[in-house]
All heavy atoms as atom14 arrays in JSON, in Angstrom:
{
  "sequence": "NNLAGFDGSDDSLPERFLEEGGTPGQGASEGEYCELDEMKAEYYEHRG",
  "atom14_mask": [
    [1, 1, 1, 1, 1, 1, 1, 1, 0, 0, 0, 0, 0, 0],
    [1, 1, 1, 1, 1, 1, 1, 1, 0, 0, 0, 0, 0, 0],
    [1, 1, 1, 1, 1, 1, 1, 1, 0, 0, 0, 0, 0, 0],
    [1, 1, 1, 1, 1, 0, 0, 0, 0, 0, 0, 0, 0, 0],
    [1, 1, 1, 1, 0, 0, 0, 0, 0, 0, 0, 0, 0, 0],
    [1, 1, 1, 1, 1, 1, 1, 1, 1, 1, 1, 0, 0, 0],
    [1, 1, 1, 1, 1, 1, 1, 1, 0, 0, 0, 0, 0, 0],
    [1, 1, 1, 1, 0, 0, 0, 0, 0, 0, 0, 0, 0, 0],
    [1, 1, 1, 1, 1, 1, 0, 0, 0, 0, 0, 0, 0, 0],
    [1, 1, 1, 1, 1, 1, 1, 1, 0, 0, 0, 0, 0, 0],
    [1, 1, 1, 1, 1, 1, 1, 1, 0, 0, 0, 0, 0, 0],
    [1, 1, 1, 1, 1, 1, 0, 0, 0, 0, 0, 0, 0, 0],
    [1, 1, 1, 1, 1, 1, 1, 1, 0, 0, 0, 0, 0, 0],
    [1, 1, 1, 1, 1, 1, 1, 0, 0, 0, 0, 0, 0, 0],
    [1, 1, 1, 1, 1, 1, 1, 1, 1, 0, 0, 0, 0, 0],
    [1, 1, 1, 1, 1, 1, 1, 1, 1, 1, 1, 0, 0, 0],
    [1, 1, 1, 1, 1, 1, 1, 1, 1, 1, 1, 0, 0, 0],
    [1, 1, 1, 1, 1, 1, 1, 1, 0, 0, 0, 0, 0, 0],
    [1, 1, 1, 1, 1, 1, 1, 1, 1, 0, 0, 0, 0, 0],
    [1, 1, 1, 1, 1, 1, 1, 1, 1, 0, 0, 0, 0, 0],
    [1, 1, 1, 1, 0, 0, 0, 0, 0, 0, 0, 0, 0, 0],
    [1, 1, 1, 1, 0, 0, 0, 0, 0, 0, 0, 0, 0, 0],
    [1, 1, 1, 1, 1, 1, 1, 0, 0, 0, 0, 0, 0, 0],
    [1, 1, 1, 1, 1, 1, 1, 0, 0, 0, 0, 0, 0, 0],
    [1, 1, 1, 1, 0, 0, 0, 0, 0, 0, 0, 0, 0, 0],
    [1, 1, 1, 1, 1, 1, 1, 1, 1, 0, 0, 0, 0, 0],
    [1, 1, 1, 1, 0, 0, 0, 0, 0, 0, 0, 0, 0, 0],
    [1, 1, 1, 1, 1, 0, 0, 0, 0, 0, 0, 0, 0, 0],
    [1, 1, 1, 1, 1, 1, 0, 0, 0, 0, 0, 0, 0, 0],
    [1, 1, 1, 1, 1, 1, 1, 1, 1, 0, 0, 0, 0, 0],
    [1, 1, 1, 1, 0, 0, 0, 0, 0, 0, 0, 0, 0, 0],
    [1, 1, 1, 1, 1, 1, 1, 1, 1, 0, 0, 0, 0, 0],
    [1, 1, 1, 1, 1, 1, 1, 1, 1, 1, 1, 1, 0, 0],
    [1, 1, 1, 1, 1, 1, 0, 0, 0, 0, 0, 0, 0, 0],
    [1, 1, 1, 1, 1, 1, 1, 1, 1, 0, 0, 0, 0, 0],
    [1, 1, 1, 1, 1, 1, 1, 1, 0, 0, 0, 0, 0, 0],
    [1, 1, 1, 1, 1, 1, 1, 1, 0, 0, 0, 0, 0, 0],
    [1, 1, 1, 1, 1, 1, 1, 1, 1, 0, 0, 0, 0, 0],
    [1, 1, 1, 1, 1, 1, 1, 1, 0, 0, 0, 0, 0, 0],
    [1, 1, 1, 1, 1, 1, 1, 1, 1, 0, 0, 0, 0, 0],
    [1, 1, 1, 1, 1, 0, 0, 0, 0, 0, 0, 0, 0, 0],
    [1, 1, 1, 1, 1, 1, 1, 1, 1, 0, 0, 0, 0, 0],
    [1, 1, 1, 1, 1, 1, 1, 1, 1, 1, 1, 1, 0, 0],
    [1, 1, 1, 1, 1, 1, 1, 1, 1, 1, 1, 1, 0, 0],
    [1, 1, 1, 1, 1, 1, 1, 1, 1, 0, 0, 0, 0, 0],
    [1, 1, 1, 1, 1, 1, 1, 1, 1, 1, 0, 0, 0, 0],
    [1, 1, 1, 1, 1, 1, 1, 1, 1, 1, 1, 0, 0, 0],
    [1, 1, 1, 1, 0, 0, 0, 0, 0, 0, 0, 0, 0, 0]
  ],
  "atom14_positions": [
    [[-215.46, 45.99, 49.13], [-214.82, 44.92, 49.89], [-213.75, 45.47, 50.84], [-213.61, 44.98, 51.97], [-214.21, 43.89, 48.95], [-215.26, 43.04, 48.24], [-216.44, 43.07, 48.6], [-214.84, 42.29, 47.24], [0.0, 0.0, 0.0], [0.0, 0.0, 0.0], [0.0, 0.0, 0.0], [0.0, 0.0, 0.0], [0.0, 0.0, 0.0], [0.0, 0.0, 0.0]],
    [[-212.99, 46.46, 50.38], [-212.0, 47.09, 51.26], [-212.67, 47.66, 52.51], [-212.19, 47.47, 53.63], [-211.25, 48.21, 50.55], [-210.34, 47.74, 49.43], [-210.03, 48.51, 48.51], [-209.88, 46.5, 49.49], [0.0, 0.0, 0.0], [0.0, 0.0, 0.0], [0.0, 0.0, 0.0], [0.0, 0.0, 0.0], [0.0, 0.0, 0.0], [0.0, 0.0, 0.0]],
    [[-213.78, 48.37, 52.32], [-214.49, 48.96, 53.45], [-215.1, 47.88, 54.35], [-215.32, 48.11, 55.55], [-215.58, 49.9, 52.95], [-215.11, 51.15, 52.2], [-216.31, 51.95, 51.71], [-214.21, 52.02, 53.06], [0.0, 0.0, 0.0], [0.0, 0.0, 0.0], [0.0, 0.0, 0.0], [0.0, 0.0, 0.0], [0.0, 0.0, 0.0], [0.0, 0.0, 0.0]],
    [[-215.34, 46.69, 53.75], [-215.86, 45.57, 54.55], [-214.75, 44.78, 55.23], [-215.03, 43.8, 55.92], [-216.68, 44.65, 53.65], [0.0, 0.0, 0.0], [0.0, 0.0, 0.0], [0.0, 0.0, 0.0], [0.0, 0.0, 0.0], [0.0, 0.0, 0.0], [0.0, 0.0, 0.0], [0.0, 0.0, 0.0], [0.0, 0.0, 0.0], [0.0, 0.0, 0.0]],
    [[-213.48, 45.18, 55.0], [-212.37, 44.56, 55.72], [-211.46, 43.68, 54.92], [-210.56, 43.04, 55.46], [0.0, 0.0, 0.0], [0.0, 0.0, 0.0], [0.0, 0.0, 0.0], [0.0, 0.0, 0.0], [0.0, 0.0, 0.0], [0.0, 0.0, 0.0], [0.0, 0.0, 0.0], [0.0, 0.0, 0.0], [0.0, 0.0, 0.0], [0.0, 0.0, 0.0]],
    [[-211.62, 43.64, 53.6], [-210.79, 42.78, 52.75], [-209.62, 43.57, 52.17], [-209.75, 44.72, 51.79], [-211.62, 42.2, 51.6], [-212.66, 41.21, 52.03], [-213.92, 41.63, 52.43], [-212.37, 39.85, 52.04], [-214.89, 40.72, 52.84], [-213.33, 38.93, 52.43], [-214.59, 39.36, 52.84], [0.0, 0.0, 0.0], [0.0, 0.0, 0.0], [0.0, 0.0, 0.0]],
    [[-208.46, 42.9, 52.08], [-207.3, 43.5, 51.42], [-206.51, 42.41, 50.71], [-207.04, 41.32, 50.44], [-206.43, 44.27, 52.42], [-205.89, 43.4, 53.56], [-205.77, 42.18, 53.38], [-205.57, 43.95, 54.62], [0.0, 0.0, 0.0], [0.0, 0.0, 0.0], [0.0, 0.0, 0.0], [0.0, 0.0, 0.0], [0.0, 0.0, 0.0], [0.0, 0.0, 0.0]],
    [[-205.24, 42.69, 50.39], [-204.44, 41.75, 49.61], [-204.24, 40.41, 50.25], [-204.02, 39.4, 49.55], [0.0, 0.0, 0.0], [0.0, 0.0, 0.0], [0.0, 0.0, 0.0], [0.0, 0.0, 0.0], [0.0, 0.0, 0.0], [0.0, 0.0, 0.0], [0.0, 0.0, 0.0], [0.0, 0.0, 0.0], [0.0, 0.0, 0.0], [0.0, 0.0, 0.0]],
    [[-204.31, 40.33, 51.57], [-204.15, 39.04, 52.23], [-205.28, 38.08, 51.9], [-205.13, 36.86, 52.03], [-204.05, 39.23, 53.75], [-205.27, 39.74, 54.27], [0.0, 0.0, 0.0], [0.0, 0.0, 0.0], [0.0, 0.0, 0.0], [0.0, 0.0, 0.0], [0.0, 0.0, 0.0], [0.0, 0.0, 0.0], [0.0, 0.0, 0.0], [0.0, 0.0, 0.0]],
    [[-206.4, 38.62, 51.47], [-207.55, 37.78, 51.09], [-207.49, 37.34, 49.63], [-208.27, 36.48, 49.22], [-208.85, 38.54, 51.35], [-209.0, 38.95, 52.8], [-209.14, 38.05, 53.65], [-208.94, 40.16, 53.08], [0.0, 0.0, 0.0], [0.0, 0.0, 0.0], [0.0, 0.0, 0.0], [0.0, 0.0, 0.0], [0.0, 0.0, 0.0], [0.0, 0.0, 0.0]],
    [[-206.59, 37.94, 48.86], [-206.39, 37.53, 47.46], [-205.45, 36.34, 47.45], [-204.28, 36.43, 47.06], [-205.82, 38.69, 46.64], [-206.82, 39.82, 46.46], [-208.03, 39.6, 46.66], [-206.38, 40.94, 46.13], [0.0, 0.0, 0.0], [0.0, 0.0, 0.0], [0.0, 0.0, 0.0], [0.0, 0.0, 0.0], [0.0, 0.0, 0.0], [0.0, 0.0, 0.0]],
    [[-205.97, 35.21, 47.88], [-205.16, 34.03, 48.11], [-205.61, 32.89, 47.19], [-206.53, 33.04, 46.41], [-205.29, 33.6, 49.57], [-206.66, 33.29, 49.87], [0.0, 0.0, 0.0], [0.0, 0.0, 0.0], [0.0, 0.0, 0.0], [0.0, 0.0, 0.0], [0.0, 0.0, 0.0], [0.0, 0.0, 0.0], [0.0, 0.0, 0.0], [0.0, 0.0, 0.0]],
    [[-204.96, 31.76, 47.34], [-205.36, 30.53, 46.66], [-205.3, 29.38, 47.65], [-204.55, 29.44, 48.63], [-204.43, 30.22, 45.48], [-204.62, 30.95, 44.17], [-203.57, 30.51, 43.16], [-206.02, 30.72, 43.6], [0.0, 0.0, 0.0], [0.0, 0.0, 0.0], [0.0, 0.0, 0.0], [0.0, 0.0, 0.0], [0.0, 0.0, 0.0], [0.0, 0.0, 0.0]],
    [[-206.05, 28.31, 47.41], [-205.89, 27.11, 48.23], [-204.43, 26.66, 48.21], [-203.78, 26.67, 47.16], [-206.8, 26.09, 47.54], [-207.82, 26.92, 46.84], [-207.1, 28.16, 46.39], [0.0, 0.0, 0.0], [0.0, 0.0, 0.0], [0.0, 0.0, 0.0], [0.0, 0.0, 0.0], [0.0, 0.0, 0.0], [0.0, 0.0, 0.0], [0.0, 0.0, 0.0]],
    [[-203.92, 26.29, 49.38], [-202.5, 25.96, 49.46], [-202.15, 24.75, 48.59], [-200.98, 24.57, 48.23], [-202.1, 25.7, 50.91], [-202.72, 24.5, 51.57], [-202.22, 24.32, 53.0], [-202.39, 25.23, 53.83], [-201.66, 23.24, 53.28], [0.0, 0.0, 0.0], [0.0, 0.0, 0.0], [0.0, 0.0, 0.0], [0.0, 0.0, 0.0], [0.0, 0.0, 0.0]],
    [[-203.12, 23.97, 48.21], [-202.88, 22.81, 47.37], [-202.23, 23.2, 46.04], [-201.53, 22.4, 45.42], [-204.19, 22.07, 47.13], [-204.08, 20.73, 46.42], [-205.15, 19.79, 46.89], [-204.96, 19.45, 48.3], [-205.83, 18.7, 49.0], [-206.92, 18.23, 48.44], [-205.59, 18.44, 50.27], [0.0, 0.0, 0.0], [0.0, 0.0, 0.0], [0.0, 0.0, 0.0]],
    [[-202.45, 24.42, 45.6], [-201.96, 24.86, 44.29], [-200.64, 25.62, 44.37], [-200.07, 25.99, 43.34], [-203.0, 25.74, 43.61], [-204.34, 25.08, 43.44], [-205.51, 25.76, 43.74], [-204.44, 23.77, 42.98], [-206.75, 25.17, 43.59], [-205.69, 23.16, 42.81], [-206.85, 23.86, 43.12], [0.0, 0.0, 0.0], [0.0, 0.0, 0.0], [0.0, 0.0, 0.0]],
    [[-200.16, 25.86, 45.58], [-198.97, 26.69, 45.77], [-197.76, 25.84, 46.14], [-197.9, 24.75, 46.71], [-199.24, 27.73, 46.86], [-200.45, 28.64, 46.62], [-200.66, 29.55, 47.82], [-200.28, 29.45, 45.35], [0.0, 0.0, 0.0], [0.0, 0.0, 0.0], [0.0, 0.0, 0.0], [0.0, 0.0, 0.0], [0.0, 0.0, 0.0], [0.0, 0.0, 0.0]],
    [[-196.58, 26.35, 45.85], [-195.37, 25.56, 46.08], [-195.15, 25.28, 47.56], [-194.73, 24.17, 47.92], [-194.16, 26.29, 45.5], [-192.88, 25.47, 45.56], [-191.77, 26.04, 44.71], [-191.95, 27.15, 44.17], [-190.74, 25.37, 44.57], [0.0, 0.0, 0.0], [0.0, 0.0, 0.0], [0.0, 0.0, 0.0], [0.0, 0.0, 0.0], [0.0, 0.0, 0.0]],
    [[-195.45, 26.25, 48.4], [-195.26, 26.03, 49.84], [-196.46, 25.27, 50.39], [-197.56, 25.8, 50.52], [-195.11, 27.36, 50.57], [-194.8, 27.2, 52.05], [-194.54, 28.52, 52.74], [-194.39, 29.54, 52.04], [-194.48, 28.53, 53.98], [0.0, 0.0, 0.0], [0.0, 0.0, 0.0], [0.0, 0.0, 0.0], [0.0, 0.0, 0.0], [0.0, 0.0, 0.0]],
    [[-196.25, 23.99, 50.69], [-197.3, 23.16, 51.27], [-198.25, 22.56, 50.27], [-199.23, 21.92, 50.66], [0.0, 0.0, 0.0], [0.0, 0.0, 0.0], [0.0, 0.0, 0.0], [0.0, 0.0, 0.0], [0.0, 0.0, 0.0], [0.0, 0.0, 0.0], [0.0, 0.0, 0.0], [0.0, 0.0, 0.0], [0.0, 0.0, 0.0], [0.0, 0.0, 0.0]],
    [[-197.99, 22.75, 48.97], [-198.92, 22.29, 47.96], [-198.54, 20.98, 47.31], [-197.6, 20.29, 47.71], [0.0, 0.0, 0.0], [0.0, 0.0, 0.0], [0.0, 0.0, 0.0], [0.0, 0.0, 0.0], [0.0, 0.0, 0.0], [0.0, 0.0, 0.0], [0.0, 0.0, 0.0], [0.0, 0.0, 0.0], [0.0, 0.0, 0.0], [0.0, 0.0, 0.0]],
    [[-199.3, 20.62, 46.28], [-199.1, 19.39, 45.52], [-198.79, 19.77, 44.08], [-199.58, 20.48, 43.45], [-200.37, 18.52, 45.55], [-200.72, 18.25, 46.91], [-200.14, 17.21, 44.81], [0.0, 0.0, 0.0], [0.0, 0.0, 0.0], [0.0, 0.0, 0.0], [0.0, 0.0, 0.0], [0.0, 0.0, 0.0], [0.0, 0.0, 0.0], [0.0, 0.0, 0.0]],
    [[-197.66, 19.32, 43.54], [-197.33, 19.7, 42.16], [-198.27, 19.05, 41.16], [-198.87, 18.0, 41.43], [-195.9, 19.17, 41.99], [-195.8, 18.04, 42.96], [-196.64, 18.43, 44.14], [0.0, 0.0, 0.0], [0.0, 0.0, 0.0], [0.0, 0.0, 0.0], [0.0, 0.0, 0.0], [0.0, 0.0, 0.0], [0.0, 0.0, 0.0], [0.0, 0.0, 0.0]],
    [[-198.42, 19.7, 40.01], [-199.23, 19.14, 38.95], [-198.64, 17.86, 38.4], [-197.47, 17.53, 38.64], [0.0, 0.0, 0.0], [0.0, 0.0, 0.0], [0.0, 0.0, 0.0], [0.0, 0.0, 0.0], [0.0, 0.0, 0.0], [0.0, 0.0, 0.0], [0.0, 0.0, 0.0], [0.0, 0.0, 0.0], [0.0, 0.0, 0.0], [0.0, 0.0, 0.0]],
    [[-199.44, 17.12, 37.66], [-198.99, 15.86, 37.07], [-199.28, 15.86, 35.57], [-199.93, 16.76, 35.05], [-199.7, 14.67, 37.74], [-199.64, 14.66, 39.26], [-200.85, 15.34, 39.89], [-201.94, 15.31, 39.35], [-200.63, 15.97, 41.04], [0.0, 0.0, 0.0], [0.0, 0.0, 0.0], [0.0, 0.0, 0.0], [0.0, 0.0, 0.0], [0.0, 0.0, 0.0]],
    [[-198.79, 14.84, 34.89], [-199.02, 14.72, 33.46], [-198.4, 15.88, 32.72], [-197.25, 16.24, 32.94], [0.0, 0.0, 0.0], [0.0, 0.0, 0.0], [0.0, 0.0, 0.0], [0.0, 0.0, 0.0], [0.0, 0.0, 0.0], [0.0, 0.0, 0.0], [0.0, 0.0, 0.0], [0.0, 0.0, 0.0], [0.0, 0.0, 0.0], [0.0, 0.0, 0.0]],
    [[-199.18, 16.5, 31.84], [-198.68, 17.65, 31.08], [-198.36, 18.82, 32.01], [-197.59, 19.71, 31.65], [-199.7, 18.08, 30.04], [0.0, 0.0, 0.0], [0.0, 0.0, 0.0], [0.0, 0.0, 0.0], [0.0, 0.0, 0.0], [0.0, 0.0, 0.0], [0.0, 0.0, 0.0], [0.0, 0.0, 0.0], [0.0, 0.0, 0.0], [0.0, 0.0, 0.0]],
    [[-198.94, 18.82, 33.21], [-198.68, 19.87, 34.2], [-197.66, 19.43, 35.25], [-197.57, 20.02, 36.33], [-199.99, 20.26, 34.91], [-200.94, 20.75, 34.01], [0.0, 0.0, 0.0], [0.0, 0.0, 0.0], [0.0, 0.0, 0.0], [0.0, 0.0, 0.0], [0.0, 0.0, 0.0], [0.0, 0.0, 0.0], [0.0, 0.0, 0.0], [0.0, 0.0, 0.0]],
    [[-196.89, 18.41, 34.94], [-195.98, 17.82, 35.93], [-195.04, 18.87, 36.52], [-194.38, 19.63, 35.82], [-195.15, 16.71, 35.3], [-194.25, 15.99, 36.3], [-193.55, 14.78, 35.7], [-193.76, 14.5, 34.5], [-192.79, 14.14, 36.44], [0.0, 0.0, 0.0], [0.0, 0.0, 0.0], [0.0, 0.0, 0.0], [0.0, 0.0, 0.0], [0.0, 0.0, 0.0]],
    [[-195.01, 18.88, 37.86], [-194.11, 19.76, 38.59], [-194.57, 21.2, 38.7], [-193.9, 22.02, 39.34], [0.0, 0.0, 0.0], [0.0, 0.0, 0.0], [0.0, 0.0, 0.0], [0.0, 0.0, 0.0], [0.0, 0.0, 0.0], [0.0, 0.0, 0.0], [0.0, 0.0, 0.0], [0.0, 0.0, 0.0], [0.0, 0.0, 0.0], [0.0, 0.0, 0.0]],
    [[-195.72, 21.54, 38.13], [-196.18, 22.92, 38.1], [-196.9, 23.31, 39.4], [-197.66, 22.53, 39.97], [-197.12, 23.17, 36.92], [-196.46, 23.08, 35.56], [-195.59, 24.3, 35.25], [-195.76, 25.34, 35.91], [-194.77, 24.19, 34.32], [0.0, 0.0, 0.0], [0.0, 0.0, 0.0], [0.0, 0.0, 0.0], [0.0, 0.0, 0.0], [0.0, 0.0, 0.0]],
    [[-196.64, 24.54, 39.84], [-197.41, 25.19, 40.88], [-197.89, 26.53, 40.3], [-197.49, 26.93, 39.21], [-196.55, 25.47, 42.12], [-196.04, 24.25, 42.83], [-194.76, 23.75, 42.56], [-196.82, 23.61, 43.78], [-194.27, 22.63, 43.24], [-196.34, 22.49, 44.46], [-195.07, 22.01, 44.18], [-194.59, 20.91, 44.85], [0.0, 0.0, 0.0], [0.0, 0.0, 0.0]],
    [[-198.74, 27.21, 41.06], [-199.19, 28.53, 40.62], [-198.35, 29.61, 41.29], [-198.27, 29.67, 42.52], [-200.66, 28.72, 40.98], [-201.37, 30.23, 40.3], [0.0, 0.0, 0.0], [0.0, 0.0, 0.0], [0.0, 0.0, 0.0], [0.0, 0.0, 0.0], [0.0, 0.0, 0.0], [0.0, 0.0, 0.0], [0.0, 0.0, 0.0], [0.0, 0.0, 0.0]],
    [[-197.71, 30.47, 40.48], [-196.84, 31.53, 40.98], [-197.67, 32.76, 41.37], [-197.64, 33.8, 40.71], [-195.8, 31.91, 39.93], [-194.81, 30.78, 39.6], [-195.31, 29.85, 38.51], [-196.49, 29.94, 38.13], [-194.52, 29.01, 38.04], [0.0, 0.0, 0.0], [0.0, 0.0, 0.0], [0.0, 0.0, 0.0], [0.0, 0.0, 0.0], [0.0, 0.0, 0.0]],
    [[-198.43, 32.62, 42.43], [-199.41, 33.64, 42.79], [-198.77, 34.96, 43.16], [-199.22, 36.02, 42.72], [-200.29, 33.14, 43.94], [-201.35, 34.14, 44.44], [-202.32, 34.5, 43.33], [-202.09, 33.57, 45.64], [0.0, 0.0, 0.0], [0.0, 0.0, 0.0], [0.0, 0.0, 0.0], [0.0, 0.0, 0.0], [0.0, 0.0, 0.0], [0.0, 0.0, 0.0]],
    [[-197.73, 34.96, 43.99], [-197.14, 36.21, 44.46], [-196.62, 37.07, 43.31], [-196.82, 38.29, 43.3], [-195.99, 35.93, 45.45], [-196.49, 35.4, 46.78], [-197.7, 35.56, 47.07], [-195.68, 34.81, 47.53], [0.0, 0.0, 0.0], [0.0, 0.0, 0.0], [0.0, 0.0, 0.0], [0.0, 0.0, 0.0], [0.0, 0.0, 0.0], [0.0, 0.0, 0.0]],
    [[-195.98, 36.44, 42.35], [-195.45, 37.18, 41.2], [-196.59, 37.81, 40.38], [-196.49, 38.96, 39.95], [-194.61, 36.26, 40.31], [-193.32, 35.77, 40.96], [-193.49, 34.5, 41.77], [-194.65, 34.16, 42.13], [-192.47, 33.84, 42.05], [0.0, 0.0, 0.0], [0.0, 0.0, 0.0], [0.0, 0.0, 0.0], [0.0, 0.0, 0.0], [0.0, 0.0, 0.0]],
    [[-197.66, 37.05, 40.19], [-198.77, 37.56, 39.41], [-199.53, 38.65, 40.17], [-200.01, 39.62, 39.56], [-199.71, 36.42, 39.01], [-199.11, 35.49, 37.96], [-200.31, 34.3, 37.29], [-200.54, 33.22, 38.7], [0.0, 0.0, 0.0], [0.0, 0.0, 0.0], [0.0, 0.0, 0.0], [0.0, 0.0, 0.0], [0.0, 0.0, 0.0], [0.0, 0.0, 0.0]],
    [[-199.66, 38.51, 41.49], [-200.33, 39.55, 42.27], [-199.59, 40.88, 42.17], [-200.22, 41.94, 42.04], [-200.43, 39.12, 43.74], [-201.61, 38.22, 44.05], [-201.59, 37.71, 45.48], [-201.78, 38.78, 46.5], [-201.95, 38.22, 47.88], [0.0, 0.0, 0.0], [0.0, 0.0, 0.0], [0.0, 0.0, 0.0], [0.0, 0.0, 0.0], [0.0, 0.0, 0.0]],
    [[-198.26, 40.82, 42.24], [-197.48, 42.06, 42.15], [-197.73, 42.75, 40.81], [-197.94, 43.98, 40.76], [-195.99, 41.75, 42.32], [0.0, 0.0, 0.0], [0.0, 0.0, 0.0], [0.0, 0.0, 0.0], [0.0, 0.0, 0.0], [0.0, 0.0, 0.0], [0.0, 0.0, 0.0], [0.0, 0.0, 0.0], [0.0, 0.0, 0.0], [0.0, 0.0, 0.0]],
    [[-197.73, 41.98, 39.74], [-197.99, 42.55, 38.41], [-199.41, 43.08, 38.32], [-199.66, 44.18, 37.79], [-197.76, 41.49, 37.33], [-198.06, 41.97, 35.93], [-198.1, 40.83, 34.92], [-197.16, 40.01, 34.91], [-199.08, 40.76, 34.15], [0.0, 0.0, 0.0], [0.0, 0.0, 0.0], [0.0, 0.0, 0.0], [0.0, 0.0, 0.0], [0.0, 0.0, 0.0]],
    [[-200.35, 42.31, 38.86], [-201.77, 42.68, 38.8], [-202.01, 43.98, 39.57], [-202.66, 44.9, 39.06], [-202.61, 41.55, 39.37], [-204.09, 41.82, 39.44], [-204.92, 41.53, 38.35], [-204.69, 42.35, 40.57], [-206.28, 41.77, 38.4], [-206.05, 42.6, 40.64], [-206.84, 42.31, 39.55], [-208.2, 42.55, 39.6], [0.0, 0.0, 0.0], [0.0, 0.0, 0.0]],
    [[-201.51, 44.09, 40.8], [-201.71, 45.29, 41.6], [-201.08, 46.52, 40.93], [-201.65, 47.61, 40.96], [-201.13, 45.12, 43.0], [-201.86, 44.14, 43.89], [-201.22, 43.59, 45.0], [-203.18, 43.77, 43.64], [-201.88, 42.7, 45.84], [-203.84, 42.87, 44.46], [-203.19, 42.34, 45.56], [-203.84, 41.46, 46.39], [0.0, 0.0, 0.0], [0.0, 0.0, 0.0]],
    [[-199.9, 46.31, 40.35], [-199.26, 47.44, 39.66], [-200.12, 47.92, 38.51], [-200.3, 49.13, 38.3], [-197.87, 47.03, 39.17], [-197.12, 48.17, 38.48], [-195.73, 47.78, 38.04], [-195.34, 46.61, 38.22], [-195.03, 48.65, 37.49], [0.0, 0.0, 0.0], [0.0, 0.0, 0.0], [0.0, 0.0, 0.0], [0.0, 0.0, 0.0], [0.0, 0.0, 0.0]],
    [[-200.65, 46.98, 37.74], [-201.5, 47.36, 36.61], [-202.78, 48.04, 37.09], [-203.23, 49.03, 36.49], [-201.85, 46.13, 35.77], [-202.73, 46.42, 34.6], [-202.28, 47.01, 33.46], [-204.07, 46.23, 34.43], [-203.29, 47.17, 32.6], [-204.39, 46.71, 33.18], [0.0, 0.0, 0.0], [0.0, 0.0, 0.0], [0.0, 0.0, 0.0], [0.0, 0.0, 0.0]],
    [[-203.36, 47.52, 38.16], [-204.6, 48.09, 38.69], [-204.37, 49.44, 39.38], [-205.3, 50.24, 39.5], [-205.22, 47.13, 39.7], [-205.99, 45.95, 39.11], [-207.31, 46.39, 38.6], [-208.17, 45.29, 38.18], [-209.15, 45.43, 37.3], [-209.37, 46.61, 36.74], [-209.89, 44.41, 36.97], [0.0, 0.0, 0.0], [0.0, 0.0, 0.0], [0.0, 0.0, 0.0]],
    [[-203.15, 49.68, 39.86], [-202.9, 50.87, 40.65], [-203.38, 50.72, 42.07], [-203.71, 51.71, 42.74], [0.0, 0.0, 0.0], [0.0, 0.0, 0.0], [0.0, 0.0, 0.0], [0.0, 0.0, 0.0], [0.0, 0.0, 0.0], [0.0, 0.0, 0.0], [0.0, 0.0, 0.0], [0.0, 0.0, 0.0], [0.0, 0.0, 0.0], [0.0, 0.0, 0.0]]
  ]
}
């Protein structure tokens, strides 16, 4: 995929699930968003 032109900018999520421009969860998930940037940093570090 890297050779085909993909990099970290493509490791994204629909904005609906993110705090910036998204919609918070409801019910038991009330107010929740997905903390993608924090998890990507941890994931990339683990992957090397």
